[in-house]
Amino acid sequence: MSKNFEPFIGFSTGDPNGIGIEIILKSLSDSNLNSKFKPVVFSNYKLIESQNRIFDSGCQVVHINQIEDANVGFVNVLNINNKSFDLKFGESNRQGGEFSRDSLFHAVDFLKQKKIDALVTGPINKNNIQSKEFDYKGHTDFLADYFQGDSLMFMVSEHLKIALLTEHIPINEIISTITPDLIKKRIEIIHNSLLKDFDVQKPKIAVLSINPHIGDNGVIGTHDNDILIPTISKISKNGIDVNGPFSSDSFFGSNDYKKYDAIVATYHDQGLIPFKTLTFGKGVNYTAGLDVIRTSPDHGTAYNISGKNIANESSFKAAVISALNILKNRTKN
């Protein structure tokens, strides 16, 4: 990516009754950040302009009719509808879901057409966004279907990267979901992402155990011995530096995680609890495995603080920076 390259970075707002628009505006008010790309917010112009006044962000919000009109240093709003929005901070309602869905659908359409170079998504409410058109558990599942690829939730920060074998599923479905094929596929995605997206020359990957203490030789279960260990061994023989399984209860407290470029957790909370404990406010949710680039902050709609002008934009800003860095790594050659 040349020094004069000014990529188009798209933004979907998430639920307008949450903190999504607030953290977008606060992030884009940073002139050092906003001078590096052309930000395009897919939303209702009046909605963004009104929240800009509410939060007094200091951003210059402009209405654009086509994406080519976007400029560096502005909050360029590509108007997606002219509907009125009854703003109710802190409330999950149907209208909030409709607007968040509309924003996301427009943004991914432009991403698919390569009219934007990367997408940063604001937090959605997984309940009110549901519809016939959006019957998914979250962004990751939706993007995998929309772009017809194998996506993976990759939580990333400067010093810690955690990927998940299983994502938003009930805990009683974890064991039946983890198969040798799934393990192989996801570790390959992680390995390739570390090479391509994060410029890690020789990726080193650790895998956490399914059962406590790796099953204690069968006393607490045989899933690690039966599934995880033999699969990791086969993957290692094919040239990927993958290690484990490791018992998760001591892996982070002992700082063993610092020896690896990425950690693979077998289920959601096993990975997300240590990640958010160690990196909260600086972490990024990256959708690995696709040809397109999408990042998001490591938190949700935060209805409890929405509208109070106290939301911290640091994770959203980190998501923007991550998108730019991944784009740079992908285009450097």
C-alpha atoms as a PDB file:
ATOM      1  CA  MET A   1       0.000   0.000   0.000  1.00  0.00           C
ATOM      2  CA  SER A   2       1.561   3.289  -1.119  1.00  0.00           C
ATOM      3  CA  LYS A   3       1.931   6.279   1.159  1.00  0.00           C
ATOM      4  CA  ASN A   4      -0.643   8.189  -0.912  1.00  0.00           C
ATOM      5  CA  PHE A   5      -3.237   5.414  -0.778  1.00  0.00           C
ATOM      6  CA  GLU A   6      -6.367   6.602   1.030  1.00  0.00           C
ATOM      7  CA  PRO A   7      -8.627   3.557   1.414  1.00  0.00           C
ATOM      8  CA  PHE A   8     -12.372   3.693   1.799  1.00  0.00           C
ATOM      9  CA  ILE A   9     -13.310   2.303   5.222  1.00  0.00           C
ATOM     10  CA  GLY A  10     -17.008   1.579   5.695  1.00  0.00           C
ATOM     11  CA  PHE A  11     -18.901   1.735   8.971  1.00  0.00           C
ATOM     12  CA  SER A  12     -22.187   0.103   9.904  1.00  0.00           C
ATOM     13  CA  THR A  13     -23.766   1.766  12.913  1.00  0.00           C
ATOM     14  CA  GLY A  14     -25.159  -1.142  14.867  1.00  0.00           C
ATOM     15  CA  ASP A  15     -28.209  -0.329  17.006  1.00  0.00           C
ATOM     16  CA  PRO A  16     -28.687   3.467  17.119  1.00  0.00           C
ATOM     17  CA  ASN A  17     -30.166   3.139  20.621  1.00  0.00           C
ATOM     18  CA  GLY A  18     -26.849   1.718  21.821  1.00  0.00           C
ATOM     19  CA  ILE A  19     -23.394   3.303  21.829  1.00  0.00           C
ATOM     20  CA  GLY A  20     -22.462   2.455  18.217  1.00  0.00           C
ATOM     21  CA  ILE A  21     -22.859   5.885  16.646  1.00  0.00           C
ATOM     22  CA  GLU A  22     -21.311   7.581  19.685  1.00  0.00           C
ATOM     23  CA  ILE A  23     -18.090   5.547  19.459  1.00  0.00           C
ATOM     24  CA  ILE A  24     -17.939   5.940  15.682  1.00  0.00           C
ATOM     25  CA  LEU A  25     -18.088   9.722  16.027  1.00  0.00           C
ATOM     26  CA  LYS A  26     -15.624   9.802  18.906  1.00  0.00           C
ATOM     27  CA  SER A  27     -13.172   7.641  16.962  1.00  0.00           C
ATOM     28  CA  LEU A  28     -13.462   9.715  13.800  1.00  0.00           C
ATOM     29  CA  SER A  29     -13.001  12.937  15.759  1.00  0.00           C
ATOM     30  CA  ASP A  30      -9.337  11.916  16.131  1.00  0.00           C
ATOM     31  CA  SER A  31      -7.695  13.836  13.293  1.00  0.00           C
ATOM     32  CA  ASN A  32      -4.575  11.662  13.457  1.00  0.00           C
ATOM     33  CA  LEU A  33      -6.698   8.613  12.698  1.00  0.00           C
ATOM     34  CA  ASN A  34      -9.211  10.204  10.337  1.00  0.00           C
ATOM     35  CA  SER A  35      -6.461  11.596   8.122  1.00  0.00           C
ATOM     36  CA  LYS A  36      -5.449   8.113   6.949  1.00  0.00           C
ATOM     37  CA  PHE A  37      -8.587   7.001   5.087  1.00  0.00           C
ATOM     38  CA  LYS A  38     -11.971   8.003   3.721  1.00  0.00           C
ATOM     39  CA  PRO A  39     -14.621   7.014   6.259  1.00  0.00           C
ATOM     40  CA  VAL A  40     -18.068   6.163   4.918  1.00  0.00           C
ATOM     41  CA  VAL A  41     -20.918   5.653   7.396  1.00  0.00           C
ATOM     42  CA  PHE A  42     -23.877   3.737   5.999  1.00  0.00           C
ATOM     43  CA  SER A  43     -26.815   5.302   7.769  1.00  0.00           C
ATOM     44  CA  ASN A  44     -29.562   7.857   7.790  1.00  0.00           C
ATOM     45  CA  TYR A  45     -27.869  11.264   7.524  1.00  0.00           C
ATOM     46  CA  LYS A  46     -30.253  13.011   9.926  1.00  0.00           C
ATOM     47  CA  LEU A  47     -29.653  10.290  12.529  1.00  0.00           C
ATOM     48  CA  ILE A  48     -25.863  10.720  12.410  1.00  0.00           C
ATOM     49  CA  GLU A  49     -26.070  14.514  12.323  1.00  0.00           C
ATOM     50  CA  SER A  50     -28.415  14.592  15.330  1.00  0.00           C
ATOM     51  CA  GLN A  51     -26.183  12.292  17.393  1.00  0.00           C
ATOM     52  CA  ASN A  52     -23.183  14.382  16.397  1.00  0.00           C
ATOM     53  CA  ARG A  53     -24.922  17.342  18.076  1.00  0.00           C
ATOM     54  CA  ILE A  54     -25.928  15.283  21.107  1.00  0.00           C
ATOM     55  CA  PHE A  55     -22.372  14.094  21.752  1.00  0.00           C
ATOM     56  CA  ASP A  56     -20.694  17.298  20.545  1.00  0.00           C
ATOM     57  CA  SER A  57     -17.969  15.217  18.907  1.00  0.00           C
ATOM     58  CA  GLY A  58     -16.565  18.041  16.802  1.00  0.00           C
ATOM     59  CA  CYS A  59     -16.805  15.890  13.651  1.00  0.00           C
ATOM     60  CA  GLN A  60     -17.708  17.410  10.328  1.00  0.00           C
ATOM     61  CA  VAL A  61     -20.629  15.284   9.174  1.00  0.00           C
ATOM     62  CA  VAL A  62     -21.409  15.527   5.475  1.00  0.00           C
ATOM     63  CA  HIS A  63     -24.073  13.966   3.283  1.00  0.00           C
ATOM     64  CA  ILE A  64     -22.744  12.206   0.174  1.00  0.00           C
ATOM     65  CA  ASN A  65     -24.779  10.840  -2.726  1.00  0.00           C
ATOM     66  CA  GLN A  66     -22.143   8.449  -3.997  1.00  0.00           C
ATOM     67  CA  ILE A  67     -19.110   6.901  -2.374  1.00  0.00           C
ATOM     68  CA  GLU A  68     -16.698   8.647  -4.731  1.00  0.00           C
ATOM     69  CA  ASP A  69     -17.664  11.929  -3.024  1.00  0.00           C
ATOM     70  CA  ALA A  70     -16.132  10.825   0.295  1.00  0.00           C
ATOM     71  CA  ASN A  71     -13.154  12.782   1.570  1.00  0.00           C
ATOM     72  CA  VAL A  72     -10.500  12.323   4.227  1.00  0.00           C
ATOM     73  CA  GLY A  73     -11.111  14.204   7.463  1.00  0.00           C
ATOM     74  CA  PHE A  74     -14.915  14.120   7.305  1.00  0.00           C
ATOM     75  CA  VAL A  75     -17.631  11.783   8.516  1.00  0.00           C
ATOM     76  CA  ASN A  76     -19.088  10.960   5.120  1.00  0.00           C
ATOM     77  CA  VAL A  77     -22.628   9.641   5.469  1.00  0.00           C
ATOM     78  CA  LEU A  78     -24.000   7.667   2.542  1.00  0.00           C
ATOM     79  CA  ASN A  79     -27.720   8.111   3.131  1.00  0.00           C
ATOM     80  CA  ILE A  80     -29.409   4.679   3.127  1.00  0.00           C
ATOM     81  CA  ASN A  81     -32.966   5.890   3.818  1.00  0.00           C
ATOM     82  CA  ASN A  82     -34.982   8.970   4.706  1.00  0.00           C
ATOM     83  CA  LYS A  83     -36.997   7.372   7.486  1.00  0.00           C
ATOM     84  CA  SER A  84     -37.463   9.168  10.776  1.00  0.00           C
ATOM     85  CA  PHE A  85     -35.960   7.482  13.823  1.00  0.00           C
ATOM     86  CA  ASP A  86     -37.507   7.717  17.266  1.00  0.00           C
ATOM     87  CA  LEU A  87     -34.312   7.717  19.336  1.00  0.00           C
ATOM     88  CA  LYS A  88     -34.673   5.845  22.614  1.00  0.00           C
ATOM     89  CA  PHE A  89     -31.241   5.379  24.157  1.00  0.00           C
ATOM     90  CA  GLY A  90     -30.906   2.221  26.185  1.00  0.00           C
ATOM     91  CA  GLU A  91     -33.946   0.492  24.712  1.00  0.00           C
ATOM     92  CA  SER A  92     -33.950  -2.601  22.526  1.00  0.00           C
ATOM     93  CA  ASN A  93     -36.801  -2.261  20.071  1.00  0.00           C
ATOM     94  CA  ARG A  94     -37.865  -3.254  16.584  1.00  0.00           C
ATOM     95  CA  GLN A  95     -36.909   0.043  14.976  1.00  0.00           C
ATOM     96  CA  GLY A  96     -33.374  -0.157  16.352  1.00  0.00           C
ATOM     97  CA  GLY A  97     -33.043  -3.633  14.869  1.00  0.00           C
ATOM     98  CA  GLU A  98     -34.363  -2.482  11.507  1.00  0.00           C
ATOM     99  CA  PHE A  99     -31.931   0.423  11.286  1.00  0.00           C
ATOM    100  CA  SER A 100     -28.932  -1.684  12.362  1.00  0.00           C
ATOM    101  CA  ARG A 101     -29.860  -4.351   9.798  1.00  0.00           C
ATOM    102  CA  ASP A 102     -30.351  -1.772   7.039  1.00  0.00           C
ATOM    103  CA  SER A 103     -26.966  -0.199   7.779  1.00  0.00           C
ATOM    104  CA  LEU A 104     -25.203  -3.583   7.769  1.00  0.00           C
ATOM    105  CA  PHE A 105     -26.853  -4.775   4.550  1.00  0.00           C
ATOM    106  CA  HIS A 106     -25.840  -1.634   2.668  1.00  0.00           C
ATOM    107  CA  ALA A 107     -22.286  -1.812   4.018  1.00  0.00           C
ATOM    108  CA  VAL A 108     -21.681  -5.451   3.067  1.00  0.00           C
ATOM    109  CA  ASP A 109     -23.093  -4.823  -0.394  1.00  0.00           C
ATOM    110  CA  PHE A 110     -20.461  -2.140  -0.956  1.00  0.00           C
ATOM    111  CA  LEU A 111     -17.805  -4.428   0.549  1.00  0.00           C
ATOM    112  CA  LYS A 112     -18.795  -7.218  -1.827  1.00  0.00           C
ATOM    113  CA  GLN A 113     -18.596  -4.838  -4.789  1.00  0.00           C
ATOM    114  CA  LYS A 114     -15.138  -3.731  -3.579  1.00  0.00           C
ATOM    115  CA  LYS A 115     -16.332  -0.145  -3.338  1.00  0.00           C
ATOM    116  CA  ILE A 116     -14.956  -0.058   0.203  1.00  0.00           C
ATOM    117  CA  ASP A 117     -11.661  -1.632   1.225  1.00  0.00           C
ATOM    118  CA  ALA A 118     -12.679  -2.770   4.711  1.00  0.00           C
ATOM    119  CA  LEU A 119     -15.675  -2.709   7.036  1.00  0.00           C
ATOM    120  CA  VAL A 120     -15.840  -1.840  10.729  1.00  0.00           C
ATOM    121  CA  THR A 121     -19.150  -2.833  12.297  1.00  0.00           C
ATOM    122  CA  GLY A 122     -20.882  -1.189  15.228  1.00  0.00           C
ATOM    123  CA  PRO A 123     -22.449  -3.388  17.940  1.00  0.00           C
ATOM    124  CA  ILE A 124     -25.776  -5.035  17.076  1.00  0.00           C
ATOM    125  CA  ASN A 125     -28.404  -6.491  19.366  1.00  0.00           C
ATOM    126  CA  LYS A 126     -28.595 -10.157  18.388  1.00  0.00           C
ATOM    127  CA  ASN A 127     -32.283 -10.280  19.297  1.00  0.00           C
ATOM    128  CA  ASN A 128     -33.864  -7.220  17.679  1.00  0.00           C
ATOM    129  CA  ILE A 129     -31.882  -7.542  14.430  1.00  0.00           C
ATOM    130  CA  GLN A 130     -33.476 -10.912  13.663  1.00  0.00           C
ATOM    131  CA  SER A 131     -35.692 -11.122  10.576  1.00  0.00           C
ATOM    132  CA  LYS A 132     -36.320 -13.326   7.553  1.00  0.00           C
ATOM    133  CA  GLU A 133     -33.271 -11.691   5.971  1.00  0.00           C
ATOM    134  CA  PHE A 134     -31.073 -11.964   9.078  1.00  0.00           C
ATOM    135  CA  ASP A 135     -31.484 -15.334  10.780  1.00  0.00           C
ATOM    136  CA  TYR A 136     -28.012 -15.594  12.278  1.00  0.00           C
ATOM    137  CA  LYS A 137     -26.396 -15.696  15.711  1.00  0.00           C
ATOM    138  CA  GLY A 138     -24.170 -12.742  14.923  1.00  0.00           C
ATOM    139  CA  HIS A 139     -21.972 -10.960  12.415  1.00  0.00           C
ATOM    140  CA  THR A 140     -19.563 -13.877  11.930  1.00  0.00           C
ATOM    141  CA  ASP A 141     -22.234 -16.367  10.817  1.00  0.00           C
ATOM    142  CA  PHE A 142     -23.899 -13.770   8.615  1.00  0.00           C
ATOM    143  CA  LEU A 143     -20.654 -12.800   6.885  1.00  0.00           C
ATOM    144  CA  ALA A 144     -19.699 -16.438   6.271  1.00  0.00           C
ATOM    145  CA  ASP A 145     -23.004 -16.978   4.488  1.00  0.00           C
ATOM    146  CA  TYR A 146     -23.033 -13.654   2.637  1.00  0.00           C
ATOM    147  CA  PHE A 147     -19.494 -14.025   1.315  1.00  0.00           C
ATOM    148  CA  GLN A 148     -19.730 -17.815   0.979  1.00  0.00           C
ATOM    149  CA  GLY A 149     -16.598 -18.609   2.939  1.00  0.00           C
ATOM    150  CA  ASP A 150     -15.369 -20.252   6.128  1.00  0.00           C
ATOM    151  CA  SER A 151     -15.241 -17.456   8.668  1.00  0.00           C
ATOM    152  CA  LEU A 152     -13.758 -17.596  12.138  1.00  0.00           C
ATOM    153  CA  MET A 153     -14.048 -15.317  15.170  1.00  0.00           C
ATOM    154  CA  PHE A 154     -10.502 -14.125  15.857  1.00  0.00           C
ATOM    155  CA  MET A 155     -10.124 -11.876  18.895  1.00  0.00           C
ATOM    156  CA  VAL A 156      -6.964  -9.857  18.402  1.00  0.00           C
ATOM    157  CA  SER A 157      -4.877  -7.283  20.232  1.00  0.00           C
ATOM    158  CA  GLU A 158      -1.253  -6.247  20.066  1.00  0.00           C
ATOM    159  CA  HIS A 159      -0.026  -8.961  22.442  1.00  0.00           C
ATOM    160  CA  LEU A 160      -2.790 -11.584  22.464  1.00  0.00           C
ATOM    161  CA  LYS A 161      -4.789 -13.330  19.731  1.00  0.00           C
ATOM    162  CA  ILE A 162      -7.446 -15.913  20.552  1.00  0.00           C
ATOM    163  CA  ALA A 163      -9.521 -17.870  18.028  1.00  0.00           C
ATOM    164  CA  LEU A 164     -12.480 -20.128  18.729  1.00  0.00           C
ATOM    165  CA  LEU A 165     -13.214 -23.665  17.593  1.00  0.00           C
ATOM    166  CA  THR A 166     -16.876 -23.185  18.518  1.00  0.00           C
ATOM    167  CA  GLU A 167     -18.517 -19.785  18.785  1.00  0.00           C
ATOM    168  CA  HIS A 168     -22.057 -18.807  19.775  1.00  0.00           C
ATOM    169  CA  ILE A 169     -23.517 -22.202  20.626  1.00  0.00           C
ATOM    170  CA  PRO A 170     -24.994 -23.655  23.860  1.00  0.00           C
ATOM    171  CA  ILE A 171     -22.442 -25.354  26.084  1.00  0.00           C
ATOM    172  CA  ASN A 172     -24.186 -28.740  25.756  1.00  0.00           C
ATOM    173  CA  GLU A 173     -23.495 -28.707  21.992  1.00  0.00           C
ATOM    174  CA  ILE A 174     -19.746 -28.094  22.222  1.00  0.00           C
ATOM    175  CA  ILE A 175     -18.557 -31.713  22.315  1.00  0.00           C
ATOM    176  CA  SER A 176     -20.676 -32.851  19.374  1.00  0.00           C
ATOM    177  CA  THR A 177     -19.559 -29.857  17.324  1.00  0.00           C
ATOM    178  CA  ILE A 178     -15.812 -30.386  17.734  1.00  0.00           C
ATOM    179  CA  THR A 179     -14.652 -32.830  15.065  1.00  0.00           C
ATOM    180  CA  PRO A 180     -11.240 -33.542  13.487  1.00  0.00           C
ATOM    181  CA  ASP A 181     -12.383 -31.780  10.288  1.00  0.00           C
ATOM    182  CA  LEU A 182     -13.445 -28.661  12.207  1.00  0.00           C
ATOM    183  CA  ILE A 183     -10.168 -28.554  14.158  1.00  0.00           C
ATOM    184  CA  LYS A 184      -8.100 -28.944  10.985  1.00  0.00           C
ATOM    185  CA  LYS A 185     -10.089 -26.340   9.052  1.00  0.00           C
ATOM    186  CA  ARG A 186      -9.950 -23.711  11.796  1.00  0.00           C
ATOM    187  CA  ILE A 187      -6.278 -24.128  12.593  1.00  0.00           C
ATOM    188  CA  GLU A 188      -5.486 -23.755   8.894  1.00  0.00           C
ATOM    189  CA  ILE A 189      -7.536 -20.526   8.793  1.00  0.00           C
ATOM    190  CA  ILE A 190      -5.679 -19.199  11.839  1.00  0.00           C
ATOM    191  CA  HIS A 191      -2.295 -20.141  10.389  1.00  0.00           C
ATOM    192  CA  ASN A 192      -3.060 -18.489   7.053  1.00  0.00           C
ATOM    193  CA  SER A 193      -4.462 -15.387   8.723  1.00  0.00           C
ATOM    194  CA  LEU A 194      -1.351 -14.967  10.851  1.00  0.00           C
ATOM    195  CA  LEU A 195       0.766 -15.159   7.693  1.00  0.00           C
ATOM    196  CA  LYS A 196      -1.369 -12.959   5.435  1.00  0.00           C
ATOM    197  CA  ASP A 197      -3.189 -10.575   7.759  1.00  0.00           C
ATOM    198  CA  PHE A 198      -0.707 -10.109  10.597  1.00  0.00           C
ATOM    199  CA  ASP A 199       2.597 -10.646   8.797  1.00  0.00           C
ATOM    200  CA  VAL A 200       3.785 -13.364  11.210  1.00  0.00           C
ATOM    201  CA  GLN A 201       6.539 -15.193   9.351  1.00  0.00           C
ATOM    202  CA  LYS A 202       6.530 -18.472  11.306  1.00  0.00           C
ATOM    203  CA  PRO A 203       3.238 -18.752  13.197  1.00  0.00           C
ATOM    204  CA  LYS A 204       3.230 -20.682  16.436  1.00  0.00           C
ATOM    205  CA  ILE A 205      -0.198 -21.800  17.645  1.00  0.00           C
ATOM    206  CA  ALA A 206      -1.377 -23.244  20.978  1.00  0.00           C
ATOM    207  CA  VAL A 207      -4.623 -25.175  21.537  1.00  0.00           C
ATOM    208  CA  LEU A 208      -6.498 -25.309  24.856  1.00  0.00           C
ATOM    209  CA  SER A 209      -7.974 -28.585  26.081  1.00  0.00           C
ATOM    210  CA  ILE A 210     -11.631 -29.550  25.853  1.00  0.00           C
ATOM    211  CA  ASN A 211     -11.849 -30.952  29.377  1.00  0.00           C
ATOM    212  CA  PRO A 212     -10.307 -29.596  32.606  1.00  0.00           C
ATOM    213  CA  HIS A 213      -6.694 -30.724  33.057  1.00  0.00           C
ATOM    214  CA  ILE A 214      -6.767 -32.312  29.584  1.00  0.00           C
ATOM    215  CA  GLY A 215      -9.079 -34.959  31.036  1.00  0.00           C
ATOM    216  CA  ASP A 216      -6.600 -36.207  33.691  1.00  0.00           C
ATOM    217  CA  ASN A 217      -5.912 -39.397  31.693  1.00  0.00           C
ATOM    218  CA  GLY A 218      -9.597 -40.122  31.260  1.00  0.00           C
ATOM    219  CA  VAL A 219     -10.769 -39.354  34.799  1.00  0.00           C
ATOM    220  CA  ILE A 220     -12.538 -36.151  33.596  1.00  0.00           C
ATOM    221  CA  GLY A 221     -13.292 -37.332  30.077  1.00  0.00           C
ATOM    222  CA  THR A 222     -11.516 -38.763  27.049  1.00  0.00           C
ATOM    223  CA  HIS A 223     -12.358 -36.128  24.447  1.00  0.00           C
ATOM    224  CA  ASP A 224      -8.859 -34.662  24.399  1.00  0.00           C
ATOM    225  CA  ASN A 225      -7.218 -38.064  23.990  1.00  0.00           C
ATOM    226  CA  ASP A 226      -9.749 -39.244  21.433  1.00  0.00           C
ATOM    227  CA  ILE A 227     -10.168 -36.123  19.281  1.00  0.00           C
ATOM    228  CA  LEU A 228      -7.853 -33.228  20.023  1.00  0.00           C
ATOM    229  CA  ILE A 229      -4.452 -34.858  20.561  1.00  0.00           C
ATOM    230  CA  PRO A 230      -4.416 -37.111  17.471  1.00  0.00           C
ATOM    231  CA  THR A 231      -5.757 -34.292  15.262  1.00  0.00           C
ATOM    232  CA  ILE A 232      -3.128 -31.823  16.484  1.00  0.00           C
ATOM    233  CA  SER A 233      -0.472 -34.444  15.811  1.00  0.00           C
ATOM    234  CA  LYS A 234      -1.634 -34.886  12.210  1.00  0.00           C
ATOM    235  CA  ILE A 235      -1.755 -31.141  11.598  1.00  0.00           C
ATOM    236  CA  SER A 236       1.779 -30.734  12.994  1.00  0.00           C
ATOM    237  CA  LYS A 237       3.098 -33.356  10.602  1.00  0.00           C
ATOM    238  CA  ASN A 238       1.701 -31.280   7.721  1.00  0.00           C
ATOM    239  CA  GLY A 239       3.937 -28.349   8.549  1.00  0.00           C
ATOM    240  CA  ILE A 240       1.872 -26.129  10.864  1.00  0.00           C
ATOM    241  CA  ASP A 241       3.504 -25.366  14.204  1.00  0.00           C
ATOM    242  CA  VAL A 242       0.574 -26.195  16.493  1.00  0.00           C
ATOM    243  CA  ASN A 243       1.008 -27.283  20.103  1.00  0.00           C
ATOM    244  CA  GLY A 244      -1.159 -28.670  22.885  1.00  0.00           C
ATOM    245  CA  PRO A 245      -3.639 -29.246  24.215  1.00  0.00           C
ATOM    246  CA  PHE A 246      -2.921 -27.115  27.277  1.00  0.00           C
ATOM    247  CA  SER A 247      -5.020 -26.866  30.410  1.00  0.00           C
ATOM    248  CA  SER A 248      -6.693 -23.464  30.269  1.00  0.00           C
ATOM    249  CA  ASP A 249      -6.892 -22.849  34.024  1.00  0.00           C
ATOM    250  CA  SER A 250      -3.166 -22.138  34.312  1.00  0.00           C
ATOM    251  CA  PHE A 251      -2.239 -21.240  30.732  1.00  0.00           C
ATOM    252  CA  PHE A 252      -2.843 -17.514  31.064  1.00  0.00           C
ATOM    253  CA  GLY A 253      -1.866 -16.995  34.703  1.00  0.00           C
ATOM    254  CA  SER A 254       1.515 -18.595  34.012  1.00  0.00           C
ATOM    255  CA  ASN A 255       2.039 -16.290  30.990  1.00  0.00           C
ATOM    256  CA  ASP A 256       2.486 -19.319  28.739  1.00  0.00           C
ATOM    257  CA  TYR A 257       0.238 -17.586  26.215  1.00  0.00           C
ATOM    258  CA  LYS A 258       3.048 -15.121  25.503  1.00  0.00           C
ATOM    259  CA  LYS A 259       5.052 -17.897  23.822  1.00  0.00           C
ATOM    260  CA  TYR A 260       2.515 -18.211  20.997  1.00  0.00           C
ATOM    261  CA  ASP A 261       1.235 -16.067  18.147  1.00  0.00           C
ATOM    262  CA  ALA A 262      -2.310 -17.338  18.546  1.00  0.00           C
ATOM    263  CA  ILE A 263      -4.321 -19.390  21.023  1.00  0.00           C
ATOM    264  CA  VAL A 264      -7.184 -21.677  20.000  1.00  0.00           C
ATOM    265  CA  ALA A 265      -9.956 -21.958  22.591  1.00  0.00           C
ATOM    266  CA  THR A 266     -12.394 -24.832  22.260  1.00  0.00           C
ATOM    267  CA  TYR A 267     -15.464 -22.794  23.223  1.00  0.00           C
ATOM    268  CA  HIS A 268     -16.587 -19.189  23.602  1.00  0.00           C
ATOM    269  CA  ASP A 269     -16.067 -18.405  27.302  1.00  0.00           C
ATOM    270  CA  GLN A 270     -12.822 -20.368  27.539  1.00  0.00           C
ATOM    271  CA  GLY A 271     -11.319 -17.861  25.114  1.00  0.00           C
ATOM    272  CA  LEU A 272     -13.308 -14.681  25.642  1.00  0.00           C
ATOM    273  CA  ILE A 273     -12.964 -14.493  29.436  1.00  0.00           C
ATOM    274  CA  PRO A 274      -9.131 -14.341  29.447  1.00  0.00           C
ATOM    275  CA  PHE A 275      -9.096 -12.187  26.312  1.00  0.00           C
ATOM    276  CA  LYS A 276     -11.395  -9.525  27.720  1.00  0.00           C
ATOM    277  CA  THR A 277      -9.758  -9.695  31.138  1.00  0.00           C
ATOM    278  CA  LEU A 278      -6.315  -9.059  29.669  1.00  0.00           C
ATOM    279  CA  THR A 279      -7.176  -6.682  26.816  1.00  0.00           C
ATOM    280  CA  PHE A 280     -10.589  -5.108  27.485  1.00  0.00           C
ATOM    281  CA  GLY A 281     -10.907  -1.754  25.780  1.00  0.00           C
ATOM    282  CA  LYS A 282      -8.097  -2.574  23.360  1.00  0.00           C
ATOM    283  CA  GLY A 283      -9.352  -5.817  21.862  1.00  0.00           C
ATOM    284  CA  VAL A 284     -10.799  -6.306  18.395  1.00  0.00           C
ATOM    285  CA  ASN A 285     -13.129  -8.916  16.917  1.00  0.00           C
ATOM    286  CA  TYR A 286     -11.755  -9.816  13.484  1.00  0.00           C
ATOM    287  CA  THR A 287     -13.554 -12.109  11.043  1.00  0.00           C
ATOM    288  CA  ALA A 288     -10.746 -14.268   9.693  1.00  0.00           C
ATOM    289  CA  GLY A 289     -10.945 -16.650   6.756  1.00  0.00           C
ATOM    290  CA  LEU A 290     -12.704 -14.416   4.243  1.00  0.00           C
ATOM    291  CA  ASP A 291     -11.413 -12.483   1.243  1.00  0.00           C
ATOM    292  CA  VAL A 292     -12.865  -9.301   2.750  1.00  0.00           C
ATOM    293  CA  ILE A 293     -11.781  -7.413   5.876  1.00  0.00           C
ATOM    294  CA  ARG A 294     -14.209  -6.869   8.743  1.00  0.00           C
ATOM    295  CA  THR A 295     -13.413  -5.812  12.298  1.00  0.00           C
ATOM    296  CA  SER A 296     -15.473  -4.670  15.273  1.00  0.00           C
ATOM    297  CA  PRO A 297     -14.986  -3.618  18.907  1.00  0.00           C
ATOM    298  CA  ASP A 298     -14.837  -6.274  21.613  1.00  0.00           C
ATOM    299  CA  HIS A 299     -18.086  -5.194  23.301  1.00  0.00           C
ATOM    300  CA  GLY A 300     -21.810  -4.940  22.689  1.00  0.00           C
ATOM    301  CA  THR A 301     -24.459  -2.207  22.512  1.00  0.00           C
ATOM    302  CA  ALA A 302     -23.952  -1.138  26.164  1.00  0.00           C
ATOM    303  CA  TYR A 303     -27.527   0.081  26.547  1.00  0.00           C
ATOM    304  CA  ASN A 304     -26.847   0.860  30.211  1.00  0.00           C
ATOM    305  CA  ILE A 305     -24.576   3.792  29.287  1.00  0.00           C
ATOM    306  CA  SER A 306     -25.942   4.790  25.888  1.00  0.00           C
ATOM    307  CA  GLY A 307     -26.827   8.444  25.438  1.00  0.00           C
ATOM    308  CA  LYS A 308     -24.769   9.520  28.460  1.00  0.00           C
ATOM    309  CA  ASN A 309     -21.678  10.520  26.460  1.00  0.00           C
ATOM    310  CA  ILE A 310     -19.428   8.310  28.589  1.00  0.00           C
ATOM    311  CA  ALA A 311     -18.789   5.405  26.204  1.00  0.00           C
ATOM    312  CA  ASN A 312     -15.105   4.627  25.694  1.00  0.00           C
ATOM    313  CA  GLU A 313     -14.192   4.472  22.015  1.00  0.00           C
ATOM    314  CA  SER A 314     -10.762   2.833  22.464  1.00  0.00           C
ATOM    315  CA  SER A 315     -11.828  -0.642  21.288  1.00  0.00           C
ATOM    316  CA  PHE A 316     -13.639   0.773  18.262  1.00  0.00           C
ATOM    317  CA  LYS A 317     -10.615   2.880  17.402  1.00  0.00           C
ATOM    318  CA  ALA A 318      -8.455  -0.243  17.745  1.00  0.00           C
ATOM    319  CA  ALA A 319     -10.828  -1.992  15.316  1.00  0.00           C
ATOM    320  CA  VAL A 320     -10.276   0.780  12.759  1.00  0.00           C
ATOM    321  CA  ILE A 321      -6.509   0.608  13.171  1.00  0.00           C
ATOM    322  CA  SER A 322      -6.578  -3.200  12.877  1.00  0.00           C
ATOM    323  CA  ALA A 323      -8.571  -2.979   9.646  1.00  0.00           C
ATOM    324  CA  LEU A 324      -6.013  -0.539   8.220  1.00  0.00           C
ATOM    325  CA  ASN A 325      -3.083  -2.729   9.294  1.00  0.00           C
ATOM    326  CA  ILE A 326      -4.621  -5.889   7.848  1.00  0.00           C
ATOM    327  CA  LEU A 327      -5.322  -4.046   4.600  1.00  0.00           C
ATOM    328  CA  LYS A 328      -1.712  -2.875   4.530  1.00  0.00           C
ATOM    329  CA  ASN A 329      -0.403  -6.404   5.116  1.00  0.00           C
ATOM    330  CA  ARG A 330      -2.627  -7.841   2.403  1.00  0.00           C
ATOM    331  CA  THR A 331      -1.569  -5.261  -0.186  1.00  0.00           C
ATOM    332  CA  LYS A 332       2.116  -4.845   0.686  1.00  0.00           C
ATOM    333  CA  ASN A 333       3.160  -7.259  -2.042  1.00  0.00           C
END
